[in-house]
């Protein structure tokens, strides 16, 4: 399976995916942390992918999403944006509403990290 296929599989299969610098346990950038905090506060189940181990991850992700910056947050396969947009959606209540529609009101608040490799 190619790196692009692995990235696409995470986007397609995970309810909420964040491609970030670092991991939820050790974020390596303030924007990644801000996006995580908004997701946590909204009660999202989070699947994280650390883009730092391999520069190809970021290249393939940006080619797939047509979004240049990190983090990138996906809900049910749909790119919702980066840190600023995720925070704005949370502040307005739209993030929780989007999660409720996409995932239902009762959802597990799990946090996991998955690895993709070239």
PDB file of N, CA and C in Angstrom:
ATOM      1  N   UNK A   1       0.854  -1.181   0.000  1.00  0.00           N
ATOM      2  CA  UNK A   1       0.000   0.000   0.000  1.00  0.00           C
ATOM      3  C   UNK A   1       0.898   1.242   0.000  1.00  0.00           C
ATOM      4  N   UNK A   2       0.612   2.157  -0.901  1.00  0.00           N
ATOM      5  CA  UNK A   2       1.441   3.358  -0.994  1.00  0.00           C
ATOM      6  C   UNK A   2       1.172   4.286   0.191  1.00  0.00           C
ATOM      7  N   UNK A   3       2.065   5.238   0.382  1.00  0.00           N
ATOM      8  CA  UNK A   3       1.886   6.231   1.437  1.00  0.00           C
ATOM      9  C   UNK A   3       0.580   6.998   1.222  1.00  0.00           C
ATOM     10  N   UNK A   4       0.326   7.389  -0.016  1.00  0.00           N
ATOM     11  CA  UNK A   4      -0.917   8.117  -0.316  1.00  0.00           C
ATOM     12  C   UNK A   4      -2.135   7.263   0.038  1.00  0.00           C
ATOM     13  N   UNK A   5      -2.089   5.969  -0.286  1.00  0.00           N
ATOM     14  CA  UNK A   5      -3.194   5.072   0.048  1.00  0.00           C
ATOM     15  C   UNK A   5      -3.403   4.991   1.559  1.00  0.00           C
ATOM     16  N   UNK A   6      -2.294   4.927   2.311  1.00  0.00           N
ATOM     17  CA  UNK A   6      -2.397   4.861   3.767  1.00  0.00           C
ATOM     18  C   UNK A   6      -3.044   6.128   4.336  1.00  0.00           C
ATOM     19  N   UNK A   7      -2.620   7.286   3.815  1.00  0.00           N
ATOM     20  CA  UNK A   7      -3.189   8.560   4.265  1.00  0.00           C
ATOM     21  C   UNK A   7      -4.674   8.604   3.930  1.00  0.00           C
ATOM     22  N   UNK A   8      -5.020   8.222   2.704  1.00  0.00           N
ATOM     23  CA  UNK A   8      -6.422   8.227   2.293  1.00  0.00           C
ATOM     24  C   UNK A   8      -7.246   7.281   3.149  1.00  0.00           C
ATOM     25  N   UNK A   9      -6.674   6.155   3.525  1.00  0.00           N
ATOM     26  CA  UNK A   9      -7.385   5.190   4.362  1.00  0.00           C
ATOM     27  C   UNK A   9      -7.693   5.780   5.737  1.00  0.00           C
ATOM     28  N   UNK A  10      -6.741   6.501   6.320  1.00  0.00           N
ATOM     29  CA  UNK A  10      -6.986   7.159   7.613  1.00  0.00           C
ATOM     30  C   UNK A  10      -8.116   8.185   7.456  1.00  0.00           C
ATOM     31  N   UNK A  11      -8.047   8.996   6.403  1.00  0.00           N
ATOM     32  CA  UNK A  11      -9.082  10.010   6.175  1.00  0.00           C
ATOM     33  C   UNK A  11     -10.452   9.355   6.010  1.00  0.00           C
ATOM     34  N   UNK A  12     -10.500   8.268   5.249  1.00  0.00           N
ATOM     35  CA  UNK A  12     -11.776   7.599   4.957  1.00  0.00           C
ATOM     36  C   UNK A  12     -12.322   6.796   6.123  1.00  0.00           C
ATOM     37  N   UNK A  13     -11.436   6.149   6.889  1.00  0.00           N
ATOM     38  CA  UNK A  13     -11.880   5.182   7.895  1.00  0.00           C
ATOM     39  C   UNK A  13     -12.060   5.748   9.295  1.00  0.00           C
ATOM     40  N   UNK A  14     -11.364   6.824   9.624  1.00  0.00           N
ATOM     41  CA  UNK A  14     -11.419   7.344  10.985  1.00  0.00           C
ATOM     42  C   UNK A  14     -12.490   8.440  11.090  1.00  0.00           C
ATOM     43  N   UNK A  15     -13.301   8.411  12.153  1.00  0.00           N
ATOM     44  CA  UNK A  15     -14.351   9.426  12.292  1.00  0.00           C
ATOM     45  C   UNK A  15     -13.797  10.854  12.317  1.00  0.00           C
ATOM     46  N   UNK A  16     -12.722  11.054  13.080  1.00  0.00           N
ATOM     47  CA  UNK A  16     -12.056  12.357  13.146  1.00  0.00           C
ATOM     48  C   UNK A  16     -10.556  12.092  13.061  1.00  0.00           C
ATOM     49  N   UNK A  17      -9.925  12.662  12.049  1.00  0.00           N
ATOM     50  CA  UNK A  17      -8.481  12.490  11.870  1.00  0.00           C
ATOM     51  C   UNK A  17      -7.814  13.855  11.897  1.00  0.00           C
ATOM     52  N   UNK A  18      -6.686  13.927  12.600  1.00  0.00           N
ATOM     53  CA  UNK A  18      -5.875  15.142  12.591  1.00  0.00           C
ATOM     54  C   UNK A  18      -4.460  14.759  12.192  1.00  0.00           C
ATOM     55  N   UNK A  19      -3.997  15.397  11.144  1.00  0.00           N
ATOM     56  CA  UNK A  19      -2.610  15.247  10.714  1.00  0.00           C
ATOM     57  C   UNK A  19      -1.880  16.431  11.322  1.00  0.00           C
ATOM     58  N   UNK A  20      -0.929  16.134  12.187  1.00  0.00           N
ATOM     59  CA  UNK A  20      -0.345  17.167  13.038  1.00  0.00           C
ATOM     60  C   UNK A  20       1.152  16.996  13.175  1.00  0.00           C
ATOM     61  N   UNK A  21       1.765  18.012  13.759  1.00  0.00           N
ATOM     62  CA  UNK A  21       3.173  17.927  14.124  1.00  0.00           C
ATOM     63  C   UNK A  21       3.225  17.416  15.556  1.00  0.00           C
ATOM     64  N   UNK A  22       3.772  16.214  15.727  1.00  0.00           N
ATOM     65  CA  UNK A  22       3.824  15.579  17.035  1.00  0.00           C
ATOM     66  C   UNK A  22       2.632  14.652  17.224  1.00  0.00           C
ATOM     67  N   UNK A  23       2.386  14.316  18.476  1.00  0.00           N
ATOM     68  CA  UNK A  23       1.294  13.413  18.845  1.00  0.00           C
ATOM     69  C   UNK A  23       0.416  14.105  19.883  1.00  0.00           C
ATOM     70  N   UNK A  24      -0.767  13.575  20.145  1.00  0.00           N
ATOM     71  CA  UNK A  24      -1.602  14.183  21.187  1.00  0.00           C
ATOM     72  C   UNK A  24      -0.888  14.248  22.548  1.00  0.00           C
ATOM     73  N   UNK A  25      -0.038  13.275  22.818  1.00  0.00           N
ATOM     74  CA  UNK A  25       0.693  13.264  24.087  1.00  0.00           C
ATOM     75  C   UNK A  25       1.834  14.281  24.096  1.00  0.00           C
ATOM     76  N   UNK A  26       2.398  14.557  22.915  1.00  0.00           N
ATOM     77  CA  UNK A  26       3.541  15.476  22.795  1.00  0.00           C
ATOM     78  C   UNK A  26       3.408  16.315  21.525  1.00  0.00           C
ATOM     79  N   UNK A  27       2.486  17.273  21.505  1.00  0.00           N
ATOM     80  CA  UNK A  27       2.374  18.132  20.318  1.00  0.00           C
ATOM     81  C   UNK A  27       3.679  18.892  20.100  1.00  0.00           C
ATOM     82  N   UNK A  28       4.072  19.026  18.834  1.00  0.00           N
ATOM     83  CA  UNK A  28       5.335  19.679  18.511  1.00  0.00           C
ATOM     84  C   UNK A  28       5.124  21.055  17.895  1.00  0.00           C
ATOM     85  N   UNK A  29       3.891  21.552  17.958  1.00  0.00           N
ATOM     86  CA  UNK A  29       3.633  22.891  17.434  1.00  0.00           C
ATOM     87  C   UNK A  29       2.365  23.444  18.068  1.00  0.00           C
ATOM     88  N   UNK A  30       2.366  24.739  18.262  1.00  0.00           N
ATOM     89  CA  UNK A  30       1.232  25.392  18.906  1.00  0.00           C
ATOM     90  C   UNK A  30      -0.068  25.252  18.136  1.00  0.00           C
ATOM     91  N   UNK A  31       0.002  25.320  16.807  1.00  0.00           N
ATOM     92  CA  UNK A  31      -1.222  25.183  16.016  1.00  0.00           C
ATOM     93  C   UNK A  31      -1.821  23.788  16.148  1.00  0.00           C
ATOM     94  N   UNK A  32      -0.968  22.767  16.169  1.00  0.00           N
ATOM     95  CA  UNK A  32      -1.468  21.404  16.358  1.00  0.00           C
ATOM     96  C   UNK A  32      -2.144  21.285  17.722  1.00  0.00           C
ATOM     97  N   UNK A  33      -1.543  21.878  18.746  1.00  0.00           N
ATOM     98  CA  UNK A  33      -2.132  21.834  20.086  1.00  0.00           C
ATOM     99  C   UNK A  33      -3.476  22.554  20.121  1.00  0.00           C
ATOM    100  N   UNK A  34      -3.567  23.698  19.456  1.00  0.00           N
ATOM    101  CA  UNK A  34      -4.819  24.458  19.443  1.00  0.00           C
ATOM    102  C   UNK A  34      -5.941  23.657  18.786  1.00  0.00           C
ATOM    103  N   UNK A  35      -5.637  23.008  17.669  1.00  0.00           N
ATOM    104  CA  UNK A  35      -6.648  22.191  16.992  1.00  0.00           C
ATOM    105  C   UNK A  35      -7.069  21.019  17.870  1.00  0.00           C
ATOM    106  N   UNK A  36      -6.096  20.374  18.510  1.00  0.00           N
ATOM    107  CA  UNK A  36      -6.410  19.271  19.427  1.00  0.00           C
ATOM    108  C   UNK A  36      -7.320  19.733  20.562  1.00  0.00           C
ATOM    109  N   UNK A  37      -7.003  20.874  21.160  1.00  0.00           N
ATOM    110  CA  UNK A  37      -7.809  21.378  22.275  1.00  0.00           C
ATOM    111  C   UNK A  37      -9.247  21.628  21.845  1.00  0.00           C
ATOM    112  N   UNK A  38      -9.439  22.173  20.655  1.00  0.00           N
ATOM    113  CA  UNK A  38     -10.801  22.405  20.164  1.00  0.00           C
ATOM    114  C   UNK A  38     -11.531  21.078  19.967  1.00  0.00           C
ATOM    115  N   UNK A  39     -10.837  20.085  19.399  1.00  0.00           N
ATOM    116  CA  UNK A  39     -11.454  18.774  19.199  1.00  0.00           C
ATOM    117  C   UNK A  39     -11.798  18.117  20.531  1.00  0.00           C
ATOM    118  N   UNK A  40     -10.850  18.171  21.489  1.00  0.00           N
ATOM    119  CA  UNK A  40     -11.105  17.593  22.811  1.00  0.00           C
ATOM    120  C   UNK A  40     -12.305  18.267  23.462  1.00  0.00           C
ATOM    121  N   UNK A  41     -12.323  19.591  23.402  1.00  0.00           N
ATOM    122  CA  UNK A  41     -13.401  20.347  24.040  1.00  0.00           C
ATOM    123  C   UNK A  41     -14.758  20.037  23.421  1.00  0.00           C
ATOM    124  N   UNK A  42     -14.763  19.706  22.133  1.00  0.00           N
ATOM    125  CA  UNK A  42     -16.013  19.372  21.446  1.00  0.00           C
ATOM    126  C   UNK A  42     -16.403  17.905  21.643  1.00  0.00           C
ATOM    127  N   UNK A  43     -15.559  17.140  22.330  1.00  0.00           N
ATOM    128  CA  UNK A  43     -15.873  15.737  22.599  1.00  0.00           C
ATOM    129  C   UNK A  43     -15.635  14.806  21.429  1.00  0.00           C
ATOM    130  N   UNK A  44     -14.697  15.159  20.570  1.00  0.00           N
ATOM    131  CA  UNK A  44     -14.427  14.344  19.381  1.00  0.00           C
ATOM    132  C   UNK A  44     -13.556  13.142  19.706  1.00  0.00           C
ATOM    133  N   UNK A  45     -13.838  11.995  19.071  1.00  0.00           N
ATOM    134  CA  UNK A  45     -12.854  10.913  19.078  1.00  0.00           C
ATOM    135  C   UNK A  45     -11.741  11.348  18.130  1.00  0.00           C
ATOM    136  N   UNK A  46     -10.501  11.166  18.517  1.00  0.00           N
ATOM    137  CA  UNK A  46      -9.395  11.718  17.733  1.00  0.00           C
ATOM    138  C   UNK A  46      -8.434  10.613  17.314  1.00  0.00           C
ATOM    139  N   UNK A  47      -8.152  10.582  16.015  1.00  0.00           N
ATOM    140  CA  UNK A  47      -7.081   9.751  15.488  1.00  0.00           C
ATOM    141  C   UNK A  47      -6.043  10.703  14.924  1.00  0.00           C
ATOM    142  N   UNK A  48      -4.838  10.631  15.455  1.00  0.00           N
ATOM    143  CA  UNK A  48      -3.771  11.554  15.060  1.00  0.00           C
ATOM    144  C   UNK A  48      -2.719  10.836  14.235  1.00  0.00           C
ATOM    145  N   UNK A  49      -2.170  11.582  13.275  1.00  0.00           N
ATOM    146  CA  UNK A  49      -1.030  11.114  12.492  1.00  0.00           C
ATOM    147  C   UNK A  49       0.049  12.184  12.602  1.00  0.00           C
ATOM    148  N   UNK A  50       1.211  11.783  13.088  1.00  0.00           N
ATOM    149  CA  UNK A  50       2.361  12.683  13.200  1.00  0.00           C
ATOM    150  C   UNK A  50       3.023  12.775  11.826  1.00  0.00           C
ATOM    151  N   UNK A  51       3.094  13.984  11.277  1.00  0.00           N
ATOM    152  CA  UNK A  51       3.681  14.155   9.943  1.00  0.00           C
ATOM    153  C   UNK A  51       5.192  14.355  10.000  1.00  0.00           C
ATOM    154  N   UNK A  52       5.754  14.518  11.193  1.00  0.00           N
ATOM    155  CA  UNK A  52       7.167  14.864  11.310  1.00  0.00           C
ATOM    156  C   UNK A  52       8.161  13.754  10.946  1.00  0.00           C
ATOM    157  N   UNK A  53       7.871  12.475  11.180  1.00  0.00           N
ATOM    158  CA  UNK A  53       8.887  11.461  10.891  1.00  0.00           C
ATOM    159  C   UNK A  53       9.310  11.373   9.429  1.00  0.00           C
ATOM    160  N   UNK A  54       8.471  11.806   8.488  1.00  0.00           N
ATOM    161  CA  UNK A  54       8.798  11.660   7.078  1.00  0.00           C
ATOM    162  C   UNK A  54       8.202  12.833   6.292  1.00  0.00           C
ATOM    163  N   UNK A  55       9.031  13.662   5.653  1.00  0.00           N
ATOM    164  CA  UNK A  55       8.518  14.804   4.891  1.00  0.00           C
ATOM    165  C   UNK A  55       7.543  14.400   3.779  1.00  0.00           C
ATOM    166  N   UNK A  56       7.626  13.173   3.309  1.00  0.00           N
ATOM    167  CA  UNK A  56       6.707  12.701   2.266  1.00  0.00           C
ATOM    168  C   UNK A  56       5.267  12.665   2.760  1.00  0.00           C
ATOM    169  N   UNK A  57       5.061  12.465   4.049  1.00  0.00           N
ATOM    170  CA  UNK A  57       3.698  12.432   4.585  1.00  0.00           C
ATOM    171  C   UNK A  57       3.015  13.770   4.308  1.00  0.00           C
ATOM    172  N   UNK A  58       3.707  14.842   4.625  1.00  0.00           N
ATOM    173  CA  UNK A  58       3.128  16.174   4.411  1.00  0.00           C
ATOM    174  C   UNK A  58       2.885  16.425   2.920  1.00  0.00           C
ATOM    175  N   UNK A  59       3.831  16.034   2.071  1.00  0.00           N
ATOM    176  CA  UNK A  59       3.677  16.220   0.625  1.00  0.00           C
ATOM    177  C   UNK A  59       2.460  15.485   0.098  1.00  0.00           C
ATOM    178  N   UNK A  60       2.327  14.225   0.466  1.00  0.00           N
ATOM    179  CA  UNK A  60       1.204  13.419  -0.019  1.00  0.00           C
ATOM    180  C   UNK A  60      -0.121  13.931   0.543  1.00  0.00           C
ATOM    181  N   UNK A  61      -0.122  14.303   1.818  1.00  0.00           N
ATOM    182  CA  UNK A  61      -1.340  14.828   2.444  1.00  0.00           C
ATOM    183  C   UNK A  61      -1.795  16.101   1.736  1.00  0.00           C
ATOM    184  N   UNK A  62      -0.881  17.036   1.531  1.00  0.00           N
ATOM    185  CA  UNK A  62      -1.238  18.296   0.873  1.00  0.00           C
ATOM    186  C   UNK A  62      -1.689  18.066  -0.562  1.00  0.00           C
ATOM    187  N   UNK A  63      -1.102  17.084  -1.237  1.00  0.00           N
ATOM    188  CA  UNK A  63      -1.533  16.758  -2.602  1.00  0.00           C
ATOM    189  C   UNK A  63      -2.965  16.204  -2.594  1.00  0.00           C
ATOM    190  N   UNK A  64      -3.283  15.395  -1.598  1.00  0.00           N
ATOM    191  CA  UNK A  64      -4.629  14.829  -1.487  1.00  0.00           C
ATOM    192  C   UNK A  64      -5.670  15.873  -1.103  1.00  0.00           C
ATOM    193  N   UNK A  65      -5.330  16.709  -0.133  1.00  0.00           N
ATOM    194  CA  UNK A  65      -6.315  17.631   0.435  1.00  0.00           C
ATOM    195  C   UNK A  65      -6.356  18.983  -0.260  1.00  0.00           C
ATOM    196  N   UNK A  66      -5.293  19.309  -0.989  1.00  0.00           N
ATOM    197  CA  UNK A  66      -5.143  20.629  -1.595  1.00  0.00           C
ATOM    198  C   UNK A  66      -5.150  21.721  -0.525  1.00  0.00           C
ATOM    199  N   UNK A  67      -4.575  21.392   0.640  1.00  0.00           N
ATOM    200  CA  UNK A  67      -4.484  22.316   1.783  1.00  0.00           C
ATOM    201  C   UNK A  67      -3.017  22.350   2.195  1.00  0.00           C
ATOM    202  N   UNK A  68      -2.370  23.513   2.219  1.00  0.00           N
ATOM    203  CA  UNK A  68      -0.912  23.548   2.381  1.00  0.00           C
ATOM    204  C   UNK A  68      -0.409  23.464   3.818  1.00  0.00           C
ATOM    205  N   UNK A  69      -1.226  23.783   4.786  1.00  0.00           N
ATOM    206  CA  UNK A  69      -0.707  23.923   6.148  1.00  0.00           C
ATOM    207  C   UNK A  69      -1.041  22.720   7.021  1.00  0.00           C
ATOM    208  N   UNK A  70      -0.337  22.647   8.129  1.00  0.00           N
ATOM    209  CA  UNK A  70      -0.526  21.620   9.155  1.00  0.00           C
ATOM    210  C   UNK A  70      -0.874  22.361  10.434  1.00  0.00           C
ATOM    211  N   UNK A  71      -1.823  21.902  11.213  1.00  0.00           N
ATOM    212  CA  UNK A  71      -2.551  20.646  11.125  1.00  0.00           C
ATOM    213  C   UNK A  71      -3.668  20.686  10.083  1.00  0.00           C
ATOM    214  N   UNK A  72      -4.131  19.481   9.751  1.00  0.00           N
ATOM    215  CA  UNK A  72      -5.313  19.325   8.922  1.00  0.00           C
ATOM    216  C   UNK A  72      -6.270  18.403   9.659  1.00  0.00           C
ATOM    217  N   UNK A  73      -7.511  18.864   9.801  1.00  0.00           N
ATOM    218  CA  UNK A  73      -8.529  18.118  10.539  1.00  0.00           C
ATOM    219  C   UNK A  73      -9.607  17.651   9.565  1.00  0.00           C
ATOM    220  N   UNK A  74      -9.934  16.368   9.650  1.00  0.00           N
ATOM    221  CA  UNK A  74     -10.967  15.756   8.819  1.00  0.00           C
ATOM    222  C   UNK A  74     -12.049  15.161   9.708  1.00  0.00           C
ATOM    223  N   UNK A  75     -13.305  15.368   9.342  1.00  0.00           N
ATOM    224  CA  UNK A  75     -14.436  14.740  10.021  1.00  0.00           C
ATOM    225  C   UNK A  75     -15.189  13.928   8.978  1.00  0.00           C
ATOM    226  N   UNK A  76     -15.256  12.623   9.203  1.00  0.00           N
ATOM    227  CA  UNK A  76     -15.914  11.698   8.275  1.00  0.00           C
ATOM    228  C   UNK A  76     -15.437  11.921   6.840  1.00  0.00           C
ATOM    229  N   UNK A  77     -14.124  12.070   6.675  1.00  0.00           N
ATOM    230  CA  UNK A  77     -13.537  12.190   5.357  1.00  0.00           C
ATOM    231  C   UNK A  77     -13.544  13.584   4.770  1.00  0.00           C
ATOM    232  N   UNK A  78     -14.175  14.546   5.446  1.00  0.00           N
ATOM    233  CA  UNK A  78     -14.268  15.915   4.934  1.00  0.00           C
ATOM    234  C   UNK A  78     -13.245  16.802   5.637  1.00  0.00           C
ATOM    235  N   UNK A  79     -12.418  17.485   4.854  1.00  0.00           N
ATOM    236  CA  UNK A  79     -11.465  18.439   5.426  1.00  0.00           C
ATOM    237  C   UNK A  79     -12.241  19.619   5.997  1.00  0.00           C
ATOM    238  N   UNK A  80     -12.060  19.868   7.307  1.00  0.00           N
ATOM    239  CA  UNK A  80     -12.712  21.056   7.864  1.00  0.00           C
ATOM    240  C   UNK A  80     -11.729  22.205   7.991  1.00  0.00           C
ATOM    241  N   UNK A  81     -10.425  21.919   7.989  1.00  0.00           N
ATOM    242  CA  UNK A  81      -9.440  22.990   7.994  1.00  0.00           C
ATOM    243  C   UNK A  81      -8.312  22.749   8.973  1.00  0.00           C
ATOM    244  N   UNK A  82      -7.655  23.860   9.319  1.00  0.00           N
ATOM    245  CA  UNK A  82      -6.531  23.820  10.236  1.00  0.00           C
ATOM    246  C   UNK A  82      -6.922  24.313  11.617  1.00  0.00           C
ATOM    247  N   UNK A  83      -5.943  24.828  12.343  1.00  0.00           N
ATOM    248  CA  UNK A  83      -6.161  25.236  13.733  1.00  0.00           C
ATOM    249  C   UNK A  83      -7.157  26.388  13.840  1.00  0.00           C
ATOM    250  N   UNK A  84      -6.985  27.430  13.036  1.00  0.00           N
ATOM    251  CA  UNK A  84      -7.861  28.601  13.138  1.00  0.00           C
ATOM    252  C   UNK A  84      -9.312  28.235  12.865  1.00  0.00           C
ATOM    253  N   UNK A  85      -9.540  27.504  11.789  1.00  0.00           N
ATOM    254  CA  UNK A  85     -10.911  27.139  11.427  1.00  0.00           C
ATOM    255  C   UNK A  85     -11.512  26.212  12.472  1.00  0.00           C
ATOM    256  N   UNK A  86     -10.738  25.246  12.957  1.00  0.00           N
ATOM    257  CA  UNK A  86     -11.240  24.318  13.968  1.00  0.00           C
ATOM    258  C   UNK A  86     -11.617  25.073  15.239  1.00  0.00           C
ATOM    259  N   UNK A  87     -10.774  26.018  15.649  1.00  0.00           N
ATOM    260  CA  UNK A  87     -11.093  26.834  16.827  1.00  0.00           C
ATOM    261  C   UNK A  87     -12.342  27.685  16.602  1.00  0.00           C
ATOM    262  N   UNK A  88     -12.453  28.299  15.419  1.00  0.00           N
ATOM    263  CA  UNK A  88     -13.626  29.123  15.126  1.00  0.00           C
ATOM    264  C   UNK A  88     -14.902  28.285  15.131  1.00  0.00           C
ATOM    265  N   UNK A  89     -14.842  27.092  14.542  1.00  0.00           N
ATOM    266  CA  UNK A  89     -16.002  26.211  14.540  1.00  0.00           C
ATOM    267  C   UNK A  89     -16.378  25.814  15.964  1.00  0.00           C
ATOM    268  N   UNK A  90     -15.378  25.565  16.813  1.00  0.00           N
ATOM    269  CA  UNK A  90     -15.677  25.225  18.203  1.00  0.00           C
ATOM    270  C   UNK A  90     -16.315  26.407  18.922  1.00  0.00           C
ATOM    271  N   UNK A  91     -15.737  27.597  18.756  1.00  0.00           N
ATOM    272  CA  UNK A  91     -16.237  28.787  19.454  1.00  0.00           C
ATOM    273  C   UNK A  91     -17.681  29.098  19.073  1.00  0.00           C
ATOM    274  N   UNK A  92     -18.052  28.837  17.828  1.00  0.00           N
ATOM    275  CA  UNK A  92     -19.412  29.144  17.374  1.00  0.00           C
ATOM    276  C   UNK A  92     -20.401  28.020  17.676  1.00  0.00           C
ATOM    277  N   UNK A  93     -19.907  26.861  18.136  1.00  0.00           N
ATOM    278  CA  UNK A  93     -20.775  25.712  18.381  1.00  0.00           C
ATOM    279  C   UNK A  93     -20.945  24.829  17.160  1.00  0.00           C
ATOM    280  N   UNK A  94     -20.401  25.265  16.027  1.00  0.00           N
ATOM    281  CA  UNK A  94     -20.563  24.494  14.791  1.00  0.00           C
ATOM    282  C   UNK A  94     -19.790  23.175  14.805  1.00  0.00           C
ATOM    283  N   UNK A  95     -18.656  23.131  15.503  1.00  0.00           N
ATOM    284  CA  UNK A  95     -17.874  21.899  15.540  1.00  0.00           C
ATOM    285  C   UNK A  95     -18.655  20.801  16.247  1.00  0.00           C
ATOM    286  N   UNK A  96     -19.238  21.116  17.398  1.00  0.00           N
ATOM    287  CA  UNK A  96     -20.035  20.111  18.118  1.00  0.00           C
ATOM    288  C   UNK A  96     -21.231  19.670  17.291  1.00  0.00           C
ATOM    289  N   UNK A  97     -21.872  20.618  16.600  1.00  0.00           N
ATOM    290  CA  UNK A  97     -23.014  20.278  15.748  1.00  0.00           C
ATOM    291  C   UNK A  97     -22.587  19.369  14.603  1.00  0.00           C
ATOM    292  N   UNK A  98     -21.454  19.690  13.982  1.00  0.00           N
ATOM    293  CA  UNK A  98     -20.933  18.876  12.879  1.00  0.00           C
ATOM    294  C   UNK A  98     -20.614  17.464  13.369  1.00  0.00           C
ATOM    295  N   UNK A  99     -20.014  17.357  14.548  1.00  0.00           N
ATOM    296  CA  UNK A  99     -19.696  16.042  15.110  1.00  0.00           C
ATOM    297  C   UNK A  99     -20.970  15.259  15.423  1.00  0.00           C
ATOM    298  N   UNK A 100     -21.979  15.937  15.962  1.00  0.00           N
ATOM    299  CA  UNK A 100     -23.235  15.269  16.292  1.00  0.00           C
ATOM    300  C   UNK A 100     -23.905  14.720  15.034  1.00  0.00           C
ATOM    301  N   UNK A 101     -23.911  15.505  13.964  1.00  0.00           N
ATOM    302  CA  UNK A 101     -24.515  15.054  12.712  1.00  0.00           C
ATOM    303  C   UNK A 101     -23.707  13.907  12.114  1.00  0.00           C
ATOM    304  N   UNK A 102     -22.394  14.045  12.090  1.00  0.00           N
ATOM    305  CA  UNK A 102     -21.533  13.048  11.441  1.00  0.00           C
ATOM    306  C   UNK A 102     -21.393  11.763  12.248  1.00  0.00           C
ATOM    307  N   UNK A 103     -21.351  11.904  13.581  1.00  0.00           N
ATOM    308  CA  UNK A 103     -21.009  10.753  14.418  1.00  0.00           C
ATOM    309  C   UNK A 103     -22.087  10.358  15.421  1.00  0.00           C
ATOM    310  N   UNK A 104     -23.098  11.196  15.581  1.00  0.00           N
ATOM    311  CA  UNK A 104     -24.118  10.939  16.589  1.00  0.00           C
ATOM    312  C   UNK A 104     -23.737  11.588  17.911  1.00  0.00           C
ATOM    313  N   UNK A 105     -24.718  11.764  18.749  1.00  0.00           N
ATOM    314  CA  UNK A 105     -24.486  12.441  20.024  1.00  0.00           C
ATOM    315  C   UNK A 105     -23.680  11.564  20.985  1.00  0.00           C
ATOM    316  N   UNK A 106     -23.929  10.273  20.950  1.00  0.00           N
ATOM    317  CA  UNK A 106     -23.204   9.347  21.823  1.00  0.00           C
ATOM    318  C   UNK A 106     -22.003   8.807  21.057  1.00  0.00           C
ATOM    319  N   UNK A 107     -20.817   9.243  21.468  1.00  0.00           N
ATOM    320  CA  UNK A 107     -19.607   8.779  20.786  1.00  0.00           C
ATOM    321  C   UNK A 107     -18.487   8.607  21.805  1.00  0.00           C
ATOM    322  N   UNK A 108     -17.630   7.652  21.534  1.00  0.00           N
ATOM    323  CA  UNK A 108     -16.478   7.432  22.401  1.00  0.00           C
ATOM    324  C   UNK A 108     -15.490   8.569  22.217  1.00  0.00           C
ATOM    325  N   UNK A 109     -14.894   9.004  23.316  1.00  0.00           N
ATOM    326  CA  UNK A 109     -13.903  10.074  23.262  1.00  0.00           C
ATOM    327  C   UNK A 109     -12.508   9.485  23.333  1.00  0.00           C
ATOM    328  N   UNK A 110     -12.213   8.601  22.413  1.00  0.00           N
ATOM    329  CA  UNK A 110     -10.902   7.958  22.377  1.00  0.00           C
ATOM    330  C   UNK A 110      -9.900   8.848  21.673  1.00  0.00           C
ATOM    331  N   UNK A 111      -8.655   8.688  22.037  1.00  0.00           N
ATOM    332  CA  UNK A 111      -7.557   9.376  21.369  1.00  0.00           C
ATOM    333  C   UNK A 111      -6.522   8.317  21.023  1.00  0.00           C
ATOM    334  N   UNK A 112      -6.169   8.253  19.744  1.00  0.00           N
ATOM    335  CA  UNK A 112      -5.154   7.272  19.332  1.00  0.00           C
ATOM    336  C   UNK A 112      -4.269   7.907  18.274  1.00  0.00           C
ATOM    337  N   UNK A 113      -3.098   7.341  18.147  1.00  0.00           N
ATOM    338  CA  UNK A 113      -2.138   7.779  17.133  1.00  0.00           C
ATOM    339  C   UNK A 113      -1.872   6.612  16.208  1.00  0.00           C
ATOM    340  N   UNK A 114      -1.919   6.870  14.912  1.00  0.00           N
ATOM    341  CA  UNK A 114      -1.588   5.842  13.931  1.00  0.00           C
ATOM    342  C   UNK A 114      -0.368   6.306  13.139  1.00  0.00           C
ATOM    343  N   UNK A 115       0.339   5.347  12.575  1.00  0.00           N
ATOM    344  CA  UNK A 115       1.553   5.641  11.832  1.00  0.00           C
ATOM    345  C   UNK A 115       1.344   5.277  10.368  1.00  0.00           C
ATOM    346  N   UNK A 116       1.784   6.155   9.491  1.00  0.00           N
ATOM    347  CA  UNK A 116       1.832   5.851   8.065  1.00  0.00           C
ATOM    348  C   UNK A 116       3.294   5.903   7.650  1.00  0.00           C
ATOM    349  N   UNK A 117       3.687   5.005   6.761  1.00  0.00           N
ATOM    350  CA  UNK A 117       5.086   4.926   6.366  1.00  0.00           C
ATOM    351  C   UNK A 117       5.218   4.748   4.867  1.00  0.00           C
ATOM    352  N   UNK A 118       6.284   5.303   4.329  1.00  0.00           N
ATOM    353  CA  UNK A 118       6.546   5.187   2.878  1.00  0.00           C
ATOM    354  C   UNK A 118       7.116   3.834   2.565  1.00  0.00           C
TER     355      UNK A 118
END
